[in-house]
């Protein structure tokens, strides 16, 4: 009798090891200067409400709690990114039985580290978040986890709050390299832009077969409840299903835009453009909007361009008599 129980226990352990594990890396944009003003979301009938940081964090941890109920084999990593740096707030299995943690202890631990991270990154300078560093940290962490466990299905989920002023143009090359690296390692990247639609982030999602949704999805929702409740329901509906289970759902969000090149100067899609030969940054015009003159250097890699006068001259126009 005891021998049969031991055999069944070993078989169950072997089956558990063969089960595919889901690994979620949640990247949260904590840009202090943007959260000081709040994120304005437009609902049905031109009803505009402001999302505060406290309400946003409530929705984030509600999403994590629902993710914890998916399976005991799930694993989660929470990364916070801001203006200067990024940091891992929590990483472990979400099974509280294995970690001897209660739900309250887990949320308190992650929440306290998040508050410390916000205090460390307070600044009065308005700039874009270090998203490329956060994604690079996520890929490095994922590489370590895949070396430890087999059959690991990984995905990265970004909650972005960038505005129309900072659209990650200075991080274009790094983000493109990260996107193709994630695709090579079968990692999908999902993005939910709460503030402004970023074409570059949509391209990253298309490259990795991920899901991109912006705040226009709220335009048909009548906000009669608390804004954090609507945000929580939206995040759970679109981003809770894992990579494998998505094929059984019909909640695919179809974007009208195709994967066309996006210029670094205006964040617009272009068919014909000027390309920097060093970093491959794309410009829709060779004129600088501020100076109304030809571009002297690339705004991404700072490489100086050739002068238009020398570039446009032909060999017959040159005067060799003065040499």
C-alpha atoms as a PDB file:
ATOM      1  CA  UNK A   1       0.000   0.000   0.000  1.00  0.00           C
ATOM      2  CA  UNK A   2       2.796   2.365   0.874  1.00  0.00           C
ATOM      3  CA  UNK A   3       4.722   1.313  -2.213  1.00  0.00           C
ATOM      4  CA  UNK A   4       1.803   2.175  -4.517  1.00  0.00           C
ATOM      5  CA  UNK A   5       1.503   5.577  -2.885  1.00  0.00           C
ATOM      6  CA  UNK A   6       5.215   6.237  -3.475  1.00  0.00           C
ATOM      7  CA  UNK A   7       4.920   5.271  -7.144  1.00  0.00           C
ATOM      8  CA  UNK A   8       1.885   7.465  -7.673  1.00  0.00           C
ATOM      9  CA  UNK A   9       3.660  10.326  -5.946  1.00  0.00           C
ATOM     10  CA  UNK A  10       6.662   9.984  -8.251  1.00  0.00           C
ATOM     11  CA  UNK A  11       4.424   9.895 -11.328  1.00  0.00           C
ATOM     12  CA  UNK A  12       2.655  13.027 -10.175  1.00  0.00           C
ATOM     13  CA  UNK A  13       5.994  14.780  -9.666  1.00  0.00           C
ATOM     14  CA  UNK A  14       7.141  13.761 -13.139  1.00  0.00           C
ATOM     15  CA  UNK A  15       3.908  15.047 -14.661  1.00  0.00           C
ATOM     16  CA  UNK A  16       4.319  18.349 -12.819  1.00  0.00           C
ATOM     17  CA  UNK A  17       7.814  18.740 -14.247  1.00  0.00           C
ATOM     18  CA  UNK A  18       6.528  18.166 -17.778  1.00  0.00           C
ATOM     19  CA  UNK A  19       3.872  20.828 -17.368  1.00  0.00           C
ATOM     20  CA  UNK A  20       4.630  24.023 -19.211  1.00  0.00           C
ATOM     21  CA  UNK A  21       5.099  26.968 -16.887  1.00  0.00           C
ATOM     22  CA  UNK A  22       3.993  30.499 -17.668  1.00  0.00           C
ATOM     23  CA  UNK A  23       6.320  33.347 -16.807  1.00  0.00           C
ATOM     24  CA  UNK A  24       4.998  36.916 -16.746  1.00  0.00           C
ATOM     25  CA  UNK A  25       7.366  39.883 -16.545  1.00  0.00           C
ATOM     26  CA  UNK A  26       5.306  42.949 -15.640  1.00  0.00           C
ATOM     27  CA  UNK A  27       6.993  46.279 -16.458  1.00  0.00           C
ATOM     28  CA  UNK A  28       5.343  49.269 -14.766  1.00  0.00           C
ATOM     29  CA  UNK A  29       6.099  52.816 -15.941  1.00  0.00           C
ATOM     30  CA  UNK A  30       6.496  55.017 -12.849  1.00  0.00           C
ATOM     31  CA  UNK A  31       7.381  58.348 -14.448  1.00  0.00           C
ATOM     32  CA  UNK A  32       7.125  60.686 -11.496  1.00  0.00           C
ATOM     33  CA  UNK A  33       6.587  63.911 -13.460  1.00  0.00           C
ATOM     34  CA  UNK A  34       3.748  62.434 -15.525  1.00  0.00           C
ATOM     35  CA  UNK A  35       2.043  60.955 -12.476  1.00  0.00           C
ATOM     36  CA  UNK A  36       2.194  64.347 -10.734  1.00  0.00           C
ATOM     37  CA  UNK A  37      -0.285  65.628 -13.319  1.00  0.00           C
ATOM     38  CA  UNK A  38      -2.143  62.332 -13.667  1.00  0.00           C
ATOM     39  CA  UNK A  39      -3.142  60.436 -16.805  1.00  0.00           C
ATOM     40  CA  UNK A  40      -6.275  61.776 -18.494  1.00  0.00           C
ATOM     41  CA  UNK A  41      -8.508  59.094 -20.029  1.00  0.00           C
ATOM     42  CA  UNK A  42     -11.403  59.951 -22.332  1.00  0.00           C
ATOM     43  CA  UNK A  43     -14.531  57.823 -21.942  1.00  0.00           C
ATOM     44  CA  UNK A  44     -17.894  57.804 -23.700  1.00  0.00           C
ATOM     45  CA  UNK A  45     -19.735  61.113 -24.244  1.00  0.00           C
ATOM     46  CA  UNK A  46     -16.460  63.085 -23.906  1.00  0.00           C
ATOM     47  CA  UNK A  47     -16.260  62.199 -20.232  1.00  0.00           C
ATOM     48  CA  UNK A  48     -12.628  62.809 -19.243  1.00  0.00           C
ATOM     49  CA  UNK A  49     -11.335  61.443 -15.960  1.00  0.00           C
ATOM     50  CA  UNK A  50      -7.883  61.619 -14.421  1.00  0.00           C
ATOM     51  CA  UNK A  51      -6.148  58.425 -13.391  1.00  0.00           C
ATOM     52  CA  UNK A  52      -4.007  58.924 -10.287  1.00  0.00           C
ATOM     53  CA  UNK A  53      -1.008  56.859  -9.274  1.00  0.00           C
ATOM     54  CA  UNK A  54      -2.814  55.355  -6.277  1.00  0.00           C
ATOM     55  CA  UNK A  55      -5.697  54.146  -8.461  1.00  0.00           C
ATOM     56  CA  UNK A  56      -3.237  52.821 -11.023  1.00  0.00           C
ATOM     57  CA  UNK A  57      -1.373  50.780  -8.403  1.00  0.00           C
ATOM     58  CA  UNK A  58      -4.654  49.325  -7.146  1.00  0.00           C
ATOM     59  CA  UNK A  59      -5.416  48.055 -10.645  1.00  0.00           C
ATOM     60  CA  UNK A  60      -1.899  46.656 -11.051  1.00  0.00           C
ATOM     61  CA  UNK A  61      -2.070  44.610  -7.855  1.00  0.00           C
ATOM     62  CA  UNK A  62      -5.608  43.470  -8.626  1.00  0.00           C
ATOM     63  CA  UNK A  63      -4.305  42.146 -11.940  1.00  0.00           C
ATOM     64  CA  UNK A  64      -1.466  40.365 -10.108  1.00  0.00           C
ATOM     65  CA  UNK A  65      -3.947  38.777  -7.694  1.00  0.00           C
ATOM     66  CA  UNK A  66      -6.017  37.400 -10.568  1.00  0.00           C
ATOM     67  CA  UNK A  67      -2.861  36.132 -12.230  1.00  0.00           C
ATOM     68  CA  UNK A  68      -2.007  34.316  -8.995  1.00  0.00           C
ATOM     69  CA  UNK A  69      -5.213  32.303  -9.302  1.00  0.00           C
ATOM     70  CA  UNK A  70      -4.310  30.907 -12.726  1.00  0.00           C
ATOM     71  CA  UNK A  71      -2.027  28.040 -11.649  1.00  0.00           C
ATOM     72  CA  UNK A  72       0.532  27.004  -9.040  1.00  0.00           C
ATOM     73  CA  UNK A  73       3.201  26.732 -11.737  1.00  0.00           C
ATOM     74  CA  UNK A  74       2.939  30.402 -12.701  1.00  0.00           C
ATOM     75  CA  UNK A  75       5.889  32.716 -12.103  1.00  0.00           C
ATOM     76  CA  UNK A  76       5.889  36.509 -12.019  1.00  0.00           C
ATOM     77  CA  UNK A  77       8.470  39.282 -12.022  1.00  0.00           C
ATOM     78  CA  UNK A  78       7.562  42.937 -11.417  1.00  0.00           C
ATOM     79  CA  UNK A  79       9.940  45.587 -12.799  1.00  0.00           C
ATOM     80  CA  UNK A  80       9.502  49.316 -12.206  1.00  0.00           C
ATOM     81  CA  UNK A  81      11.027  51.827 -14.616  1.00  0.00           C
ATOM     82  CA  UNK A  82      11.397  55.565 -14.260  1.00  0.00           C
ATOM     83  CA  UNK A  83      13.452  58.466 -15.595  1.00  0.00           C
ATOM     84  CA  UNK A  84      16.864  57.333 -14.387  1.00  0.00           C
ATOM     85  CA  UNK A  85      16.843  53.595 -13.810  1.00  0.00           C
ATOM     86  CA  UNK A  86      14.806  50.431 -13.414  1.00  0.00           C
ATOM     87  CA  UNK A  87      14.544  47.880 -10.624  1.00  0.00           C
ATOM     88  CA  UNK A  88      13.094  44.436  -9.929  1.00  0.00           C
ATOM     89  CA  UNK A  89      10.496  44.802  -7.178  1.00  0.00           C
ATOM     90  CA  UNK A  90       9.438  41.172  -6.827  1.00  0.00           C
ATOM     91  CA  UNK A  91      10.256  37.875  -8.507  1.00  0.00           C
ATOM     92  CA  UNK A  92       9.212  34.386  -7.471  1.00  0.00           C
ATOM     93  CA  UNK A  93       6.583  31.714  -7.925  1.00  0.00           C
ATOM     94  CA  UNK A  94       3.125  33.027  -7.200  1.00  0.00           C
ATOM     95  CA  UNK A  95       2.076  29.906  -5.323  1.00  0.00           C
ATOM     96  CA  UNK A  96       1.756  31.173  -1.762  1.00  0.00           C
ATOM     97  CA  UNK A  97       1.848  27.602  -0.438  1.00  0.00           C
ATOM     98  CA  UNK A  98       5.344  27.057  -1.858  1.00  0.00           C
ATOM     99  CA  UNK A  99       6.689  30.369  -0.614  1.00  0.00           C
ATOM    100  CA  UNK A 100       4.887  30.378   2.743  1.00  0.00           C
ATOM    101  CA  UNK A 101       3.526  33.817   1.925  1.00  0.00           C
ATOM    102  CA  UNK A 102       0.055  35.166   2.285  1.00  0.00           C
ATOM    103  CA  UNK A 103      -1.469  37.453  -0.307  1.00  0.00           C
ATOM    104  CA  UNK A 104      -1.204  40.394   2.069  1.00  0.00           C
ATOM    105  CA  UNK A 105       2.506  39.805   2.716  1.00  0.00           C
ATOM    106  CA  UNK A 106       3.234  39.513  -0.994  1.00  0.00           C
ATOM    107  CA  UNK A 107       1.417  42.740  -1.885  1.00  0.00           C
ATOM    108  CA  UNK A 108       2.926  44.613   1.052  1.00  0.00           C
ATOM    109  CA  UNK A 109       6.435  43.567   0.064  1.00  0.00           C
ATOM    110  CA  UNK A 110       6.040  44.633  -3.566  1.00  0.00           C
ATOM    111  CA  UNK A 111       4.159  47.822  -2.652  1.00  0.00           C
ATOM    112  CA  UNK A 112       6.778  48.960  -0.121  1.00  0.00           C
ATOM    113  CA  UNK A 113       9.592  48.428  -2.627  1.00  0.00           C
ATOM    114  CA  UNK A 114       7.609  50.373  -5.209  1.00  0.00           C
ATOM    115  CA  UNK A 115       7.174  53.336  -2.850  1.00  0.00           C
ATOM    116  CA  UNK A 116      10.915  53.278  -2.108  1.00  0.00           C
ATOM    117  CA  UNK A 117      11.645  53.227  -5.836  1.00  0.00           C
ATOM    118  CA  UNK A 118       9.416  56.278  -6.398  1.00  0.00           C
ATOM    119  CA  UNK A 119      11.136  58.187  -3.578  1.00  0.00           C
ATOM    120  CA  UNK A 120      14.569  57.390  -5.014  1.00  0.00           C
ATOM    121  CA  UNK A 121      13.639  58.610  -8.502  1.00  0.00           C
ATOM    122  CA  UNK A 122      11.902  61.887  -7.714  1.00  0.00           C
ATOM    123  CA  UNK A 123      13.085  64.639 -10.039  1.00  0.00           C
ATOM    124  CA  UNK A 124      11.827  67.896 -11.502  1.00  0.00           C
ATOM    125  CA  UNK A 125      13.252  67.188 -14.945  1.00  0.00           C
ATOM    126  CA  UNK A 126      10.717  65.958 -17.495  1.00  0.00           C
ATOM    127  CA  UNK A 127      12.070  63.204 -19.713  1.00  0.00           C
ATOM    128  CA  UNK A 128      11.133  59.773 -21.034  1.00  0.00           C
ATOM    129  CA  UNK A 129      11.428  56.651 -18.929  1.00  0.00           C
ATOM    130  CA  UNK A 130      14.356  54.277 -19.382  1.00  0.00           C
ATOM    131  CA  UNK A 131      12.250  51.670 -21.159  1.00  0.00           C
ATOM    132  CA  UNK A 132      15.122  50.043 -23.047  1.00  0.00           C
ATOM    133  CA  UNK A 133      16.921  49.364 -19.755  1.00  0.00           C
ATOM    134  CA  UNK A 134      13.792  47.796 -18.277  1.00  0.00           C
ATOM    135  CA  UNK A 135      13.280  45.547 -21.313  1.00  0.00           C
ATOM    136  CA  UNK A 136      16.965  44.569 -21.295  1.00  0.00           C
ATOM    137  CA  UNK A 137      16.689  43.686 -17.605  1.00  0.00           C
ATOM    138  CA  UNK A 138      13.585  41.626 -18.371  1.00  0.00           C
ATOM    139  CA  UNK A 139      15.380  39.673 -21.116  1.00  0.00           C
ATOM    140  CA  UNK A 140      18.393  38.987 -18.881  1.00  0.00           C
ATOM    141  CA  UNK A 141      16.133  37.817 -16.076  1.00  0.00           C
ATOM    142  CA  UNK A 142      14.179  35.627 -18.482  1.00  0.00           C
ATOM    143  CA  UNK A 143      17.423  34.047 -19.744  1.00  0.00           C
ATOM    144  CA  UNK A 144      18.377  33.097 -16.188  1.00  0.00           C
ATOM    145  CA  UNK A 145      14.955  31.608 -15.481  1.00  0.00           C
ATOM    146  CA  UNK A 146      14.949  29.546 -18.681  1.00  0.00           C
ATOM    147  CA  UNK A 147      18.287  28.045 -17.699  1.00  0.00           C
ATOM    148  CA  UNK A 148      16.749  26.976 -14.393  1.00  0.00           C
ATOM    149  CA  UNK A 149      13.404  25.621 -15.643  1.00  0.00           C
ATOM    150  CA  UNK A 150      12.286  23.790 -18.762  1.00  0.00           C
ATOM    151  CA  UNK A 151       9.120  24.391 -20.796  1.00  0.00           C
ATOM    152  CA  UNK A 152       8.922  28.027 -19.737  1.00  0.00           C
ATOM    153  CA  UNK A 153       6.557  30.241 -21.761  1.00  0.00           C
ATOM    154  CA  UNK A 154       7.573  33.851 -21.191  1.00  0.00           C
ATOM    155  CA  UNK A 155       5.915  37.146 -22.009  1.00  0.00           C
ATOM    156  CA  UNK A 156       6.542  40.771 -21.124  1.00  0.00           C
ATOM    157  CA  UNK A 157       3.647  43.093 -20.289  1.00  0.00           C
ATOM    158  CA  UNK A 158       4.287  46.855 -20.254  1.00  0.00           C
ATOM    159  CA  UNK A 159       1.952  49.405 -18.691  1.00  0.00           C
ATOM    160  CA  UNK A 160       3.058  52.605 -20.436  1.00  0.00           C
ATOM    161  CA  UNK A 161       2.127  56.217 -19.590  1.00  0.00           C
ATOM    162  CA  UNK A 162       4.267  58.141 -22.099  1.00  0.00           C
ATOM    163  CA  UNK A 163       2.869  61.393 -23.452  1.00  0.00           C
ATOM    164  CA  UNK A 164       3.128  62.828 -26.953  1.00  0.00           C
ATOM    165  CA  UNK A 165       6.304  64.772 -26.115  1.00  0.00           C
ATOM    166  CA  UNK A 166       8.458  61.756 -25.294  1.00  0.00           C
ATOM    167  CA  UNK A 167       7.863  58.784 -27.581  1.00  0.00           C
ATOM    168  CA  UNK A 168      11.157  56.890 -27.017  1.00  0.00           C
ATOM    169  CA  UNK A 169      12.840  58.216 -30.166  1.00  0.00           C
ATOM    170  CA  UNK A 170      16.204  58.333 -28.385  1.00  0.00           C
ATOM    171  CA  UNK A 171      15.840  54.647 -27.545  1.00  0.00           C
ATOM    172  CA  UNK A 172      14.709  53.535 -31.005  1.00  0.00           C
ATOM    173  CA  UNK A 173      17.756  51.415 -31.881  1.00  0.00           C
ATOM    174  CA  UNK A 174      17.897  49.706 -28.484  1.00  0.00           C
ATOM    175  CA  UNK A 175      14.176  48.927 -28.495  1.00  0.00           C
ATOM    176  CA  UNK A 176      14.309  47.472 -32.015  1.00  0.00           C
ATOM    177  CA  UNK A 177      17.225  45.238 -31.047  1.00  0.00           C
ATOM    178  CA  UNK A 178      15.308  44.118 -27.967  1.00  0.00           C
ATOM    179  CA  UNK A 179      12.204  43.362 -30.044  1.00  0.00           C
ATOM    180  CA  UNK A 180      14.053  41.094 -32.476  1.00  0.00           C
ATOM    181  CA  UNK A 181      15.931  39.442 -29.623  1.00  0.00           C
ATOM    182  CA  UNK A 182      12.616  38.699 -27.917  1.00  0.00           C
ATOM    183  CA  UNK A 183      11.206  37.297 -31.152  1.00  0.00           C
ATOM    184  CA  UNK A 184      14.245  35.021 -31.539  1.00  0.00           C
ATOM    185  CA  UNK A 185      13.629  33.662 -28.033  1.00  0.00           C
ATOM    186  CA  UNK A 186       9.834  33.270 -28.558  1.00  0.00           C
ATOM    187  CA  UNK A 187       8.965  36.000 -26.054  1.00  0.00           C
ATOM    188  CA  UNK A 188       5.886  38.082 -26.792  1.00  0.00           C
ATOM    189  CA  UNK A 189       5.683  41.704 -25.651  1.00  0.00           C
ATOM    190  CA  UNK A 190       2.283  43.156 -24.744  1.00  0.00           C
ATOM    191  CA  UNK A 191       1.798  46.898 -24.269  1.00  0.00           C
ATOM    192  CA  UNK A 192      -1.068  48.911 -22.815  1.00  0.00           C
ATOM    193  CA  UNK A 193      -0.540  52.647 -23.495  1.00  0.00           C
ATOM    194  CA  UNK A 194      -2.713  54.548 -21.048  1.00  0.00           C
ATOM    195  CA  UNK A 195      -1.720  58.071 -22.054  1.00  0.00           C
ATOM    196  CA  UNK A 196      -0.788  58.314 -25.743  1.00  0.00           C
ATOM    197  CA  UNK A 197      -0.511  55.968 -28.698  1.00  0.00           C
ATOM    198  CA  UNK A 198       3.160  55.186 -29.398  1.00  0.00           C
ATOM    199  CA  UNK A 199       3.835  53.852 -32.901  1.00  0.00           C
ATOM    200  CA  UNK A 200       7.208  52.444 -31.857  1.00  0.00           C
ATOM    201  CA  UNK A 201       5.664  50.321 -29.110  1.00  0.00           C
ATOM    202  CA  UNK A 202       3.040  49.077 -31.544  1.00  0.00           C
ATOM    203  CA  UNK A 203       5.822  47.972 -33.881  1.00  0.00           C
ATOM    204  CA  UNK A 204       7.481  46.054 -31.063  1.00  0.00           C
ATOM    205  CA  UNK A 205       4.226  44.227 -30.354  1.00  0.00           C
ATOM    206  CA  UNK A 206       3.787  43.373 -34.036  1.00  0.00           C
ATOM    207  CA  UNK A 207       7.338  42.030 -34.276  1.00  0.00           C
ATOM    208  CA  UNK A 208       6.912  39.767 -31.237  1.00  0.00           C
ATOM    209  CA  UNK A 209       3.285  38.769 -32.024  1.00  0.00           C
ATOM    210  CA  UNK A 210       2.133  40.594 -28.920  1.00  0.00           C
ATOM    211  CA  UNK A 211      -0.951  42.664 -28.198  1.00  0.00           C
ATOM    212  CA  UNK A 212      -0.958  46.473 -28.318  1.00  0.00           C
ATOM    213  CA  UNK A 213      -3.864  48.516 -26.948  1.00  0.00           C
ATOM    214  CA  UNK A 214      -4.044  52.267 -26.368  1.00  0.00           C
ATOM    215  CA  UNK A 215      -6.436  54.431 -24.374  1.00  0.00           C
ATOM    216  CA  UNK A 216      -8.849  54.766 -27.315  1.00  0.00           C
ATOM    217  CA  UNK A 217     -10.395  51.500 -26.152  1.00  0.00           C
ATOM    218  CA  UNK A 218     -12.080  53.465 -23.347  1.00  0.00           C
ATOM    219  CA  UNK A 219     -13.904  55.767 -25.796  1.00  0.00           C
ATOM    220  CA  UNK A 220     -16.939  53.456 -25.978  1.00  0.00           C
ATOM    221  CA  UNK A 221     -17.119  52.779 -22.239  1.00  0.00           C
ATOM    222  CA  UNK A 222     -19.532  54.683 -20.033  1.00  0.00           C
ATOM    223  CA  UNK A 223     -17.579  55.453 -16.870  1.00  0.00           C
ATOM    224  CA  UNK A 224     -20.182  55.387 -14.091  1.00  0.00           C
ATOM    225  CA  UNK A 225     -17.970  53.473 -11.674  1.00  0.00           C
ATOM    226  CA  UNK A 226     -14.564  54.143 -10.185  1.00  0.00           C
ATOM    227  CA  UNK A 227     -11.875  54.514 -12.818  1.00  0.00           C
ATOM    228  CA  UNK A 228      -9.624  51.899 -11.182  1.00  0.00           C
ATOM    229  CA  UNK A 229     -12.393  49.286 -11.481  1.00  0.00           C
ATOM    230  CA  UNK A 230     -12.779  49.906 -15.213  1.00  0.00           C
ATOM    231  CA  UNK A 231      -9.015  49.830 -15.703  1.00  0.00           C
ATOM    232  CA  UNK A 232      -8.750  46.553 -13.787  1.00  0.00           C
ATOM    233  CA  UNK A 233     -11.490  44.913 -15.851  1.00  0.00           C
ATOM    234  CA  UNK A 234      -9.891  46.071 -19.100  1.00  0.00           C
ATOM    235  CA  UNK A 235      -6.428  44.793 -18.172  1.00  0.00           C
ATOM    236  CA  UNK A 236      -7.786  41.441 -17.005  1.00  0.00           C
ATOM    237  CA  UNK A 237      -9.920  40.914 -20.111  1.00  0.00           C
ATOM    238  CA  UNK A 238      -7.172  41.652 -22.640  1.00  0.00           C
ATOM    239  CA  UNK A 239      -3.921  40.691 -20.928  1.00  0.00           C
ATOM    240  CA  UNK A 240      -4.685  37.960 -18.392  1.00  0.00           C
ATOM    241  CA  UNK A 241      -4.774  35.003 -20.875  1.00  0.00           C
ATOM    242  CA  UNK A 242      -1.389  33.362 -21.308  1.00  0.00           C
ATOM    243  CA  UNK A 243       0.476  32.843 -24.558  1.00  0.00           C
ATOM    244  CA  UNK A 244      -0.904  29.316 -25.021  1.00  0.00           C
ATOM    245  CA  UNK A 245      -4.485  30.001 -23.950  1.00  0.00           C
ATOM    246  CA  UNK A 246      -4.915  33.002 -26.267  1.00  0.00           C
ATOM    247  CA  UNK A 247      -5.602  30.784 -29.261  1.00  0.00           C
ATOM    248  CA  UNK A 248      -8.776  29.572 -27.531  1.00  0.00           C
ATOM    249  CA  UNK A 249     -10.123  33.111 -27.122  1.00  0.00           C
ATOM    250  CA  UNK A 250     -11.527  35.473 -29.726  1.00  0.00           C
ATOM    251  CA  UNK A 251     -10.444  38.663 -27.968  1.00  0.00           C
ATOM    252  CA  UNK A 252      -7.833  39.617 -30.536  1.00  0.00           C
ATOM    253  CA  UNK A 253      -7.658  43.385 -30.886  1.00  0.00           C
ATOM    254  CA  UNK A 254      -7.218  44.330 -34.539  1.00  0.00           C
ATOM    255  CA  UNK A 255      -5.185  47.445 -35.264  1.00  0.00           C
ATOM    256  CA  UNK A 256      -5.791  49.412 -38.440  1.00  0.00           C
ATOM    257  CA  UNK A 257      -2.124  50.353 -38.701  1.00  0.00           C
ATOM    258  CA  UNK A 258       0.372  48.107 -40.406  1.00  0.00           C
ATOM    259  CA  UNK A 259       4.016  47.606 -39.513  1.00  0.00           C
ATOM    260  CA  UNK A 260       5.255  50.615 -41.503  1.00  0.00           C
ATOM    261  CA  UNK A 261       8.383  52.561 -40.607  1.00  0.00           C
ATOM    262  CA  UNK A 262       7.898  55.368 -38.085  1.00  0.00           C
ATOM    263  CA  UNK A 263       9.942  58.566 -38.234  1.00  0.00           C
ATOM    264  CA  UNK A 264      12.000  59.614 -35.220  1.00  0.00           C
ATOM    265  CA  UNK A 265      11.057  63.283 -35.493  1.00  0.00           C
ATOM    266  CA  UNK A 266       7.239  63.187 -35.455  1.00  0.00           C
ATOM    267  CA  UNK A 267       6.358  59.592 -34.519  1.00  0.00           C
ATOM    268  CA  UNK A 268       4.416  59.218 -37.793  1.00  0.00           C
ATOM    269  CA  UNK A 269       4.327  56.416 -40.331  1.00  0.00           C
ATOM    270  CA  UNK A 270       6.201  57.143 -43.559  1.00  0.00           C
ATOM    271  CA  UNK A 271       6.668  55.352 -46.881  1.00  0.00           C
ATOM    272  CA  UNK A 272       9.681  57.359 -48.113  1.00  0.00           C
ATOM    273  CA  UNK A 273      12.139  58.750 -45.585  1.00  0.00           C
ATOM    274  CA  UNK A 274      15.706  59.824 -44.847  1.00  0.00           C
ATOM    275  CA  UNK A 275      17.782  57.290 -42.892  1.00  0.00           C
ATOM    276  CA  UNK A 276      20.839  57.851 -40.724  1.00  0.00           C
ATOM    277  CA  UNK A 277      23.633  55.611 -41.992  1.00  0.00           C
ATOM    278  CA  UNK A 278      24.952  54.956 -38.470  1.00  0.00           C
ATOM    279  CA  UNK A 279      21.949  54.151 -36.265  1.00  0.00           C
ATOM    280  CA  UNK A 280      19.257  53.742 -38.992  1.00  0.00           C
ATOM    281  CA  UNK A 281      17.065  56.436 -37.447  1.00  0.00           C
ATOM    282  CA  UNK A 282      14.275  57.530 -39.801  1.00  0.00           C
ATOM    283  CA  UNK A 283      13.337  61.129 -40.644  1.00  0.00           C
ATOM    284  CA  UNK A 284      10.393  62.236 -42.738  1.00  0.00           C
ATOM    285  CA  UNK A 285      12.224  65.424 -43.786  1.00  0.00           C
ATOM    286  CA  UNK A 286      15.830  66.556 -44.050  1.00  0.00           C
ATOM    287  CA  UNK A 287      14.820  69.931 -42.579  1.00  0.00           C
ATOM    288  CA  UNK A 288      14.865  70.541 -38.854  1.00  0.00           C
ATOM    289  CA  UNK A 289      11.538  71.945 -37.626  1.00  0.00           C
ATOM    290  CA  UNK A 290      13.101  74.224 -35.026  1.00  0.00           C
ATOM    291  CA  UNK A 291      15.826  75.804 -37.157  1.00  0.00           C
ATOM    292  CA  UNK A 292      14.081  75.367 -40.549  1.00  0.00           C
ATOM    293  CA  UNK A 293      17.476  74.352 -41.939  1.00  0.00           C
ATOM    294  CA  UNK A 294      19.051  71.108 -43.063  1.00  0.00           C
ATOM    295  CA  UNK A 295      19.756  68.687 -40.260  1.00  0.00           C
ATOM    296  CA  UNK A 296      23.322  68.965 -39.014  1.00  0.00           C
ATOM    297  CA  UNK A 297      23.350  65.795 -36.919  1.00  0.00           C
ATOM    298  CA  UNK A 298      21.218  62.807 -36.004  1.00  0.00           C
ATOM    299  CA  UNK A 299      19.106  63.403 -32.909  1.00  0.00           C
ATOM    300  CA  UNK A 300      19.449  59.743 -31.883  1.00  0.00           C
ATOM    301  CA  UNK A 301      23.157  58.898 -32.249  1.00  0.00           C
ATOM    302  CA  UNK A 302      24.479  62.511 -32.650  1.00  0.00           C
ATOM    303  CA  UNK A 303      26.385  61.642 -35.839  1.00  0.00           C
ATOM    304  CA  UNK A 304      27.113  64.699 -37.991  1.00  0.00           C
ATOM    305  CA  UNK A 305      25.716  64.623 -41.507  1.00  0.00           C
ATOM    306  CA  UNK A 306      27.545  65.765 -44.633  1.00  0.00           C
ATOM    307  CA  UNK A 307      27.051  69.372 -45.658  1.00  0.00           C
ATOM    308  CA  UNK A 308      24.350  69.789 -48.335  1.00  0.00           C
ATOM    309  CA  UNK A 309      26.574  72.114 -50.429  1.00  0.00           C
ATOM    310  CA  UNK A 310      29.370  69.571 -50.814  1.00  0.00           C
ATOM    311  CA  UNK A 311      26.959  66.676 -51.104  1.00  0.00           C
ATOM    312  CA  UNK A 312      25.033  68.145 -54.033  1.00  0.00           C
ATOM    313  CA  UNK A 313      28.049  69.240 -56.067  1.00  0.00           C
ATOM    314  CA  UNK A 314      29.094  67.116 -58.996  1.00  0.00           C
ATOM    315  CA  UNK A 315      32.642  66.518 -60.164  1.00  0.00           C
ATOM    316  CA  UNK A 316      32.279  68.949 -63.086  1.00  0.00           C
ATOM    317  CA  UNK A 317      31.322  71.770 -60.713  1.00  0.00           C
ATOM    318  CA  UNK A 318      34.537  71.569 -58.722  1.00  0.00           C
ATOM    319  CA  UNK A 319      37.316  74.060 -59.472  1.00  0.00           C
ATOM    320  CA  UNK A 320      40.740  72.406 -59.368  1.00  0.00           C
ATOM    321  CA  UNK A 321      42.656  75.527 -60.496  1.00  0.00           C
ATOM    322  CA  UNK A 322      42.908  76.854 -56.972  1.00  0.00           C
ATOM    323  CA  UNK A 323      44.536  73.679 -55.667  1.00  0.00           C
END
